[in-house]
Amino acid sequence: MSTDKRNETQLLCDILGLETLVDEITANLVADASASGASTPSAILGPFYRHDAPLLPNGTSIVRNLTPAVPWYATAIADSAFVKGRVFSSSSPNTPIRNAIVDVWHTAPNGLYEQQDPDQPDMNLRGRFATDSEGWYSFYCLRPVAYPIPDDGPAGKFLGMLDRHPYRPGHIHFIVSAPEHRTLTTQIFDDRDEYIAKDSVFAVKDELVVRFEPREGDPNGKWTLEYNFVLDSVA
């Protein structure tokens, strides 16, 4: 079942909790070695990451070719969101990191990543952003939705044998990297989601649960979120 766009082995590791367990062990080791212990918590990569997402200017959208002909157009408009934040170094809590790369991706409102959905354009809902001189990143996206993990392969069949539901709570993936800092792989979770407490891959952490607030006066976004990242310094 695995292809260059889908990793079935990693999906199986996810539903067994193996990837989350390894992530937790690694995170604890890193925290023990860190002088500050104040870095943003990590979370699993998941099976649908793609390398080389387009590098976009801050303030632009990762939603591509959204027209009224798209079946989930109305949901996308209602859930349009502006996300911004800063990237800091753990070596000094008030020191922003310039030119950190914020790599982001999430599903469409139909619960599919673009490589799962032939009707979505290539690299839809994916992008990379470089922080400015004050450490800021920003982009337009959509509030994430809950979705079932693919259950048409061995991982899905095994999940059924365990009598467990396949749903993940709505989340946005991030990989945040900068020179002389440990690369952070994580996710943030929308607090409106009913599956927050019962994630099928056990990845939710309290520190990663966020609340989107209504956004006024912006025709491109109905919601807004500010979320800062702190990277572990290795210098």
C-alpha atoms as a PDB file:
ATOM      1  CA  MET A   1       0.000   0.000   0.000  1.00  0.00           C
ATOM      2  CA  SER A   2       2.946   2.352   0.515  1.00  0.00           C
ATOM      3  CA  THR A   3       3.891   4.770  -2.259  1.00  0.00           C
ATOM      4  CA  ASP A   4       5.862   8.003  -2.481  1.00  0.00           C
ATOM      5  CA  LYS A   5       2.646   9.734  -1.349  1.00  0.00           C
ATOM      6  CA  ARG A   6       1.549   7.331   1.399  1.00  0.00           C
ATOM      7  CA  ASN A   7       3.437   5.472   4.130  1.00  0.00           C
ATOM      8  CA  GLU A   8       1.348   2.514   5.330  1.00  0.00           C
ATOM      9  CA  THR A   9       4.051   1.252   7.688  1.00  0.00           C
ATOM     10  CA  GLN A  10       4.201   4.599   9.452  1.00  0.00           C
ATOM     11  CA  LEU A  11       0.393   4.634   9.621  1.00  0.00           C
ATOM     12  CA  LEU A  12       0.457   1.258  11.369  1.00  0.00           C
ATOM     13  CA  CYS A  13       3.052   2.582  13.826  1.00  0.00           C
ATOM     14  CA  ASP A  14       0.768   5.558  14.473  1.00  0.00           C
ATOM     15  CA  ILE A  15      -2.340   3.556  15.392  1.00  0.00           C
ATOM     16  CA  LEU A  16      -0.298   1.280  17.666  1.00  0.00           C
ATOM     17  CA  GLY A  17       1.064   4.347  19.454  1.00  0.00           C
ATOM     18  CA  LEU A  18       4.650   3.434  18.571  1.00  0.00           C
ATOM     19  CA  GLU A  19       5.472   6.737  16.892  1.00  0.00           C
ATOM     20  CA  THR A  20       3.958   8.711  19.772  1.00  0.00           C
ATOM     21  CA  LEU A  21       5.890   6.582  22.282  1.00  0.00           C
ATOM     22  CA  VAL A  22       9.190   7.165  20.469  1.00  0.00           C
ATOM     23  CA  ASP A  23       8.384  10.873  20.202  1.00  0.00           C
ATOM     24  CA  GLU A  24       7.679  11.066  23.946  1.00  0.00           C
ATOM     25  CA  ILE A  25      10.885   9.215  24.871  1.00  0.00           C
ATOM     26  CA  THR A  26      12.929  11.436  22.576  1.00  0.00           C
ATOM     27  CA  ALA A  27      11.243  14.605  23.846  1.00  0.00           C
ATOM     28  CA  ASN A  28      12.031  13.654  27.451  1.00  0.00           C
ATOM     29  CA  LEU A  29      15.679  13.006  26.595  1.00  0.00           C
ATOM     30  CA  VAL A  30      15.917  16.363  24.837  1.00  0.00           C
ATOM     31  CA  ALA A  31      14.240  18.122  27.772  1.00  0.00           C
ATOM     32  CA  ASP A  32      16.698  16.537  30.212  1.00  0.00           C
ATOM     33  CA  ALA A  33      19.591  17.771  28.083  1.00  0.00           C
ATOM     34  CA  SER A  34      18.166  21.263  27.635  1.00  0.00           C
ATOM     35  CA  ALA A  35      19.185  24.074  29.923  1.00  0.00           C
ATOM     36  CA  SER A  36      15.798  25.808  29.659  1.00  0.00           C
ATOM     37  CA  GLY A  37      13.280  22.996  29.214  1.00  0.00           C
ATOM     38  CA  ALA A  38      10.982  25.590  27.663  1.00  0.00           C
ATOM     39  CA  SER A  39      10.767  24.402  24.069  1.00  0.00           C
ATOM     40  CA  THR A  40       7.464  23.742  22.292  1.00  0.00           C
ATOM     41  CA  PRO A  41       6.293  20.115  22.696  1.00  0.00           C
ATOM     42  CA  SER A  42       6.774  17.841  19.719  1.00  0.00           C
ATOM     43  CA  ALA A  43       4.228  15.549  18.062  1.00  0.00           C
ATOM     44  CA  ILE A  44       4.358  12.839  15.435  1.00  0.00           C
ATOM     45  CA  LEU A  45       5.133  13.524  11.786  1.00  0.00           C
ATOM     46  CA  GLY A  46       2.349  11.356  10.367  1.00  0.00           C
ATOM     47  CA  PRO A  47       2.356   9.513   7.031  1.00  0.00           C
ATOM     48  CA  PHE A  48       1.426  12.374   4.682  1.00  0.00           C
ATOM     49  CA  TYR A  49       4.338  14.795   4.886  1.00  0.00           C
ATOM     50  CA  ARG A  50       5.802  15.938   1.552  1.00  0.00           C
ATOM     51  CA  HIS A  51       9.213  17.487   1.076  1.00  0.00           C
ATOM     52  CA  ASP A  52       9.773  20.736  -0.802  1.00  0.00           C
ATOM     53  CA  ALA A  53       6.443  22.462  -0.267  1.00  0.00           C
ATOM     54  CA  PRO A  54       6.526  25.893  -1.951  1.00  0.00           C
ATOM     55  CA  LEU A  55       8.302  28.688  -0.095  1.00  0.00           C
ATOM     56  CA  LEU A  56       5.700  31.465   0.158  1.00  0.00           C
ATOM     57  CA  PRO A  57       5.756  35.090   1.353  1.00  0.00           C
ATOM     58  CA  ASN A  58       4.388  35.710   4.817  1.00  0.00           C
ATOM     59  CA  GLY A  59       0.732  36.679   4.800  1.00  0.00           C
ATOM     60  CA  THR A  60      -0.172  34.564   1.767  1.00  0.00           C
ATOM     61  CA  SER A  61      -2.520  31.580   1.607  1.00  0.00           C
ATOM     62  CA  ILE A  62      -1.807  27.874   1.368  1.00  0.00           C
ATOM     63  CA  VAL A  63      -5.326  27.336  -0.040  1.00  0.00           C
ATOM     64  CA  ARG A  64      -5.032  26.927  -3.808  1.00  0.00           C
ATOM     65  CA  ASN A  65      -7.665  27.253  -6.533  1.00  0.00           C
ATOM     66  CA  LEU A  66     -10.613  27.636  -4.170  1.00  0.00           C
ATOM     67  CA  THR A  67     -13.698  28.334  -6.321  1.00  0.00           C
ATOM     68  CA  PRO A  68     -17.455  27.837  -5.827  1.00  0.00           C
ATOM     69  CA  ALA A  69     -17.136  24.679  -7.929  1.00  0.00           C
ATOM     70  CA  VAL A  70     -15.165  22.974  -5.143  1.00  0.00           C
ATOM     71  CA  PRO A  71     -17.578  20.714  -3.170  1.00  0.00           C
ATOM     72  CA  TRP A  72     -16.308  21.977   0.196  1.00  0.00           C
ATOM     73  CA  TYR A  73     -16.196  25.647  -0.829  1.00  0.00           C
ATOM     74  CA  ALA A  74     -18.785  26.831   1.737  1.00  0.00           C
ATOM     75  CA  THR A  75     -17.009  25.068   4.585  1.00  0.00           C
ATOM     76  CA  ALA A  76     -13.672  26.494   3.498  1.00  0.00           C
ATOM     77  CA  ILE A  77     -15.047  30.034   3.500  1.00  0.00           C
ATOM     78  CA  ALA A  78     -16.636  29.554   6.941  1.00  0.00           C
ATOM     79  CA  ASP A  79     -13.398  28.102   8.326  1.00  0.00           C
ATOM     80  CA  SER A  80     -10.940  30.459   6.610  1.00  0.00           C
ATOM     81  CA  ALA A  81      -8.278  31.451   9.124  1.00  0.00           C
ATOM     82  CA  PHE A  82      -5.258  33.685   9.567  1.00  0.00           C
ATOM     83  CA  VAL A  83      -2.453  32.123  11.607  1.00  0.00           C
ATOM     84  CA  LYS A  84       0.553  34.042  12.840  1.00  0.00           C
ATOM     85  CA  GLY A  85       3.204  33.802  15.500  1.00  0.00           C
ATOM     86  CA  ARG A  86       6.866  34.103  16.300  1.00  0.00           C
ATOM     87  CA  VAL A  87       9.718  31.643  16.564  1.00  0.00           C
ATOM     88  CA  PHE A  88      12.007  32.025  19.580  1.00  0.00           C
ATOM     89  CA  SER A  89      15.199  30.385  20.821  1.00  0.00           C
ATOM     90  CA  SER A  90      15.156  28.515  24.119  1.00  0.00           C
ATOM     91  CA  SER A  91      18.581  29.979  24.886  1.00  0.00           C
ATOM     92  CA  SER A  92      16.857  33.310  25.515  1.00  0.00           C
ATOM     93  CA  PRO A  93      13.054  33.425  25.804  1.00  0.00           C
ATOM     94  CA  ASN A  94      12.869  36.927  24.328  1.00  0.00           C
ATOM     95  CA  THR A  95      15.186  36.296  21.382  1.00  0.00           C
ATOM     96  CA  PRO A  96      13.342  35.796  18.078  1.00  0.00           C
ATOM     97  CA  ILE A  97      14.882  33.686  15.332  1.00  0.00           C
ATOM     98  CA  ARG A  98      15.215  35.299  11.930  1.00  0.00           C
ATOM     99  CA  ASN A  99      14.836  33.154   8.787  1.00  0.00           C
ATOM    100  CA  ALA A 100      13.496  30.138  10.641  1.00  0.00           C
ATOM    101  CA  ILE A 101      11.485  27.959   8.248  1.00  0.00           C
ATOM    102  CA  VAL A 102       7.910  27.133   9.218  1.00  0.00           C
ATOM    103  CA  ASP A 103       6.697  24.183   7.124  1.00  0.00           C
ATOM    104  CA  VAL A 104       2.924  23.669   7.418  1.00  0.00           C
ATOM    105  CA  TRP A 105       0.298  21.293   6.040  1.00  0.00           C
ATOM    106  CA  HIS A 106      -3.233  20.083   6.790  1.00  0.00           C
ATOM    107  CA  THR A 107      -6.197  18.340   5.173  1.00  0.00           C
ATOM    108  CA  ALA A 108      -8.991  19.882   3.158  1.00  0.00           C
ATOM    109  CA  PRO A 109     -12.472  20.070   4.710  1.00  0.00           C
ATOM    110  CA  ASN A 110     -13.256  16.697   3.124  1.00  0.00           C
ATOM    111  CA  GLY A 111     -10.638  15.173   5.431  1.00  0.00           C
ATOM    112  CA  LEU A 112      -8.151  14.380   2.666  1.00  0.00           C
ATOM    113  CA  TYR A 113      -4.581  15.525   2.162  1.00  0.00           C
ATOM    114  CA  GLU A 114      -3.947  16.684  -1.377  1.00  0.00           C
ATOM    115  CA  GLN A 115      -2.004  13.558  -2.388  1.00  0.00           C
ATOM    116  CA  GLN A 116      -5.042  11.471  -1.407  1.00  0.00           C
ATOM    117  CA  ASP A 117      -7.445  13.554  -3.471  1.00  0.00           C
ATOM    118  CA  PRO A 118      -7.122  13.780  -7.279  1.00  0.00           C
ATOM    119  CA  ASP A 119      -9.453  16.795  -7.295  1.00  0.00           C
ATOM    120  CA  GLN A 120      -7.057  18.944  -5.249  1.00  0.00           C
ATOM    121  CA  PRO A 121      -4.188  20.786  -6.944  1.00  0.00           C
ATOM    122  CA  ASP A 122      -0.642  19.670  -6.253  1.00  0.00           C
ATOM    123  CA  MET A 123       0.683  20.932  -2.898  1.00  0.00           C
ATOM    124  CA  ASN A 124      -2.709  22.307  -1.875  1.00  0.00           C
ATOM    125  CA  LEU A 125      -2.813  23.290   1.801  1.00  0.00           C
ATOM    126  CA  ARG A 126       0.967  23.099   2.116  1.00  0.00           C
ATOM    127  CA  GLY A 127       3.582  25.805   2.334  1.00  0.00           C
ATOM    128  CA  ARG A 128       6.814  26.986   3.909  1.00  0.00           C
ATOM    129  CA  PHE A 129       7.367  30.427   5.409  1.00  0.00           C
ATOM    130  CA  ALA A 130      10.558  32.166   6.531  1.00  0.00           C
ATOM    131  CA  THR A 131      10.343  34.297   9.656  1.00  0.00           C
ATOM    132  CA  ASP A 132      11.135  38.004   9.378  1.00  0.00           C
ATOM    133  CA  SER A 133      13.692  40.015  11.343  1.00  0.00           C
ATOM    134  CA  GLU A 134      11.463  39.881  14.445  1.00  0.00           C
ATOM    135  CA  GLY A 135      10.759  36.183  14.160  1.00  0.00           C
ATOM    136  CA  TRP A 136       7.226  36.513  12.770  1.00  0.00           C
ATOM    137  CA  TYR A 137       5.556  34.074  10.383  1.00  0.00           C
ATOM    138  CA  SER A 138       2.001  34.362   9.032  1.00  0.00           C
ATOM    139  CA  PHE A 139      -0.291  32.676   6.536  1.00  0.00           C
ATOM    140  CA  TYR A 140      -3.916  31.996   5.640  1.00  0.00           C
ATOM    141  CA  CYS A 141      -5.228  28.451   5.922  1.00  0.00           C
ATOM    142  CA  LEU A 142      -8.404  26.692   7.098  1.00  0.00           C
ATOM    143  CA  ARG A 143      -9.478  25.621  10.545  1.00  0.00           C
ATOM    144  CA  PRO A 144      -8.677  21.921  10.567  1.00  0.00           C
ATOM    145  CA  VAL A 145     -11.348  19.227  10.628  1.00  0.00           C
ATOM    146  CA  ALA A 146     -11.498  15.750  12.133  1.00  0.00           C
ATOM    147  CA  TYR A 147     -10.961  12.947   9.664  1.00  0.00           C
ATOM    148  CA  PRO A 148     -10.612   9.158   9.628  1.00  0.00           C
ATOM    149  CA  ILE A 149      -7.198   7.756   8.895  1.00  0.00           C
ATOM    150  CA  PRO A 150      -7.118   5.657   5.691  1.00  0.00           C
ATOM    151  CA  ASP A 151      -8.699   2.302   6.516  1.00  0.00           C
ATOM    152  CA  ASP A 152      -8.424   0.613   3.120  1.00  0.00           C
ATOM    153  CA  GLY A 153      -5.104  -1.071   3.934  1.00  0.00           C
ATOM    154  CA  PRO A 154      -3.522  -3.297   6.603  1.00  0.00           C
ATOM    155  CA  ALA A 155      -3.418  -0.526   9.213  1.00  0.00           C
ATOM    156  CA  GLY A 156      -7.139   0.144   8.865  1.00  0.00           C
ATOM    157  CA  LYS A 157      -8.010  -3.536   9.038  1.00  0.00           C
ATOM    158  CA  PHE A 158      -5.921  -3.921  12.178  1.00  0.00           C
ATOM    159  CA  LEU A 159      -7.612  -0.901  13.758  1.00  0.00           C
ATOM    160  CA  GLY A 160     -10.976  -2.539  13.082  1.00  0.00           C
ATOM    161  CA  MET A 161      -9.808  -5.748  14.745  1.00  0.00           C
ATOM    162  CA  LEU A 162      -9.019  -3.661  17.840  1.00  0.00           C
ATOM    163  CA  ASP A 163     -12.580  -2.268  17.749  1.00  0.00           C
ATOM    164  CA  ARG A 164     -11.255   1.294  17.715  1.00  0.00           C
ATOM    165  CA  HIS A 165     -12.539   4.309  15.786  1.00  0.00           C
ATOM    166  CA  PRO A 166     -10.266   5.713  13.052  1.00  0.00           C
ATOM    167  CA  TYR A 167     -10.707   9.446  13.703  1.00  0.00           C
ATOM    168  CA  ARG A 168      -8.063  12.065  14.320  1.00  0.00           C
ATOM    169  CA  PRO A 169      -9.045  15.449  15.806  1.00  0.00           C
ATOM    170  CA  GLY A 170      -8.628  18.498  13.575  1.00  0.00           C
ATOM    171  CA  HIS A 171      -4.967  19.518  13.523  1.00  0.00           C
ATOM    172  CA  ILE A 172      -2.330  21.439  11.595  1.00  0.00           C
ATOM    173  CA  HIS A 173       1.130  19.945  11.096  1.00  0.00           C
ATOM    174  CA  PHE A 174       4.308  21.991  11.528  1.00  0.00           C
ATOM    175  CA  ILE A 175       8.024  21.432  11.075  1.00  0.00           C
ATOM    176  CA  VAL A 176       9.974  24.434  12.373  1.00  0.00           C
ATOM    177  CA  SER A 177      13.706  24.596  11.704  1.00  0.00           C
ATOM    178  CA  ALA A 178      16.560  27.057  12.135  1.00  0.00           C
ATOM    179  CA  PRO A 179      20.370  26.879  12.164  1.00  0.00           C
ATOM    180  CA  GLU A 180      21.912  25.933  15.519  1.00  0.00           C
ATOM    181  CA  HIS A 181      18.529  24.726  16.806  1.00  0.00           C
ATOM    182  CA  ARG A 182      16.849  21.335  16.975  1.00  0.00           C
ATOM    183  CA  THR A 183      14.195  20.927  14.313  1.00  0.00           C
ATOM    184  CA  LEU A 184      10.719  20.762  15.844  1.00  0.00           C
ATOM    185  CA  THR A 185       8.060  18.454  14.395  1.00  0.00           C
ATOM    186  CA  THR A 186       4.685  19.073  15.987  1.00  0.00           C
ATOM    187  CA  GLN A 187       0.954  19.592  15.533  1.00  0.00           C
ATOM    188  CA  ILE A 188      -1.607  22.001  16.946  1.00  0.00           C
ATOM    189  CA  PHE A 189      -5.163  20.868  17.691  1.00  0.00           C
ATOM    190  CA  ASP A 190      -8.373  22.878  17.418  1.00  0.00           C
ATOM    191  CA  ASP A 191     -10.155  22.837  20.786  1.00  0.00           C
ATOM    192  CA  ARG A 192     -13.602  22.701  19.175  1.00  0.00           C
ATOM    193  CA  ASP A 193     -13.010  19.111  18.057  1.00  0.00           C
ATOM    194  CA  GLU A 194     -14.861  16.247  19.743  1.00  0.00           C
ATOM    195  CA  TYR A 195     -11.967  13.843  19.178  1.00  0.00           C
ATOM    196  CA  ILE A 196      -9.429  15.843  21.215  1.00  0.00           C
ATOM    197  CA  ALA A 197      -9.613  13.323  24.063  1.00  0.00           C
ATOM    198  CA  LYS A 198      -9.687  10.222  21.839  1.00  0.00           C
ATOM    199  CA  ASP A 199      -7.162  10.681  19.051  1.00  0.00           C
ATOM    200  CA  SER A 200      -6.713   7.421  17.129  1.00  0.00           C
ATOM    201  CA  VAL A 201      -2.910   7.894  17.096  1.00  0.00           C
ATOM    202  CA  PHE A 202      -2.498   9.259  20.663  1.00  0.00           C
ATOM    203  CA  ALA A 203      -0.742  12.471  19.574  1.00  0.00           C
ATOM    204  CA  VAL A 204      -2.680  15.191  21.459  1.00  0.00           C
ATOM    205  CA  LYS A 205      -0.854  17.085  24.202  1.00  0.00           C
ATOM    206  CA  ASP A 206      -2.514  19.757  26.333  1.00  0.00           C
ATOM    207  CA  GLU A 207       0.102  22.369  25.384  1.00  0.00           C
ATOM    208  CA  LEU A 208      -0.735  21.891  21.702  1.00  0.00           C
ATOM    209  CA  VAL A 209      -4.491  22.488  21.998  1.00  0.00           C
ATOM    210  CA  VAL A 210      -5.375  25.947  20.652  1.00  0.00           C
ATOM    211  CA  ARG A 211      -8.406  28.201  20.370  1.00  0.00           C
ATOM    212  CA  PHE A 212      -9.225  30.081  17.185  1.00  0.00           C
ATOM    213  CA  GLU A 213     -10.859  33.468  17.782  1.00  0.00           C
ATOM    214  CA  PRO A 214     -13.259  35.337  15.467  1.00  0.00           C
ATOM    215  CA  ARG A 215     -11.471  37.700  13.080  1.00  0.00           C
ATOM    216  CA  GLU A 216     -13.130  40.998  12.194  1.00  0.00           C
ATOM    217  CA  GLY A 217     -12.706  43.143   9.091  1.00  0.00           C
ATOM    218  CA  ASP A 218     -10.759  40.623   7.001  1.00  0.00           C
ATOM    219  CA  PRO A 219     -12.511  39.284   3.880  1.00  0.00           C
ATOM    220  CA  ASN A 220      -9.930  36.501   3.634  1.00  0.00           C
ATOM    221  CA  GLY A 221     -10.271  35.088   7.117  1.00  0.00           C
ATOM    222  CA  LYS A 222     -13.149  34.417   9.515  1.00  0.00           C
ATOM    223  CA  TRP A 223     -10.884  33.166  12.328  1.00  0.00           C
ATOM    224  CA  THR A 224      -7.488  34.007  13.740  1.00  0.00           C
ATOM    225  CA  LEU A 225      -4.855  32.267  15.826  1.00  0.00           C
ATOM    226  CA  GLU A 226      -1.532  33.419  17.244  1.00  0.00           C
ATOM    227  CA  TYR A 227       0.852  30.634  18.178  1.00  0.00           C
ATOM    228  CA  ASN A 228       4.537  30.970  19.053  1.00  0.00           C
ATOM    229  CA  PHE A 229       7.194  28.272  18.759  1.00  0.00           C
ATOM    230  CA  VAL A 230      10.279  27.889  20.939  1.00  0.00           C
ATOM    231  CA  LEU A 231      13.166  25.859  19.498  1.00  0.00           C
ATOM    232  CA  ASP A 232      15.876  24.160  21.526  1.00  0.00           C
ATOM    233  CA  SER A 233      19.248  25.739  20.969  1.00  0.00           C
ATOM    234  CA  VAL A 234      22.125  23.368  20.244  1.00  0.00           C
ATOM    235  CA  ALA A 235      24.819  26.050  20.079  1.00  0.00           C
END
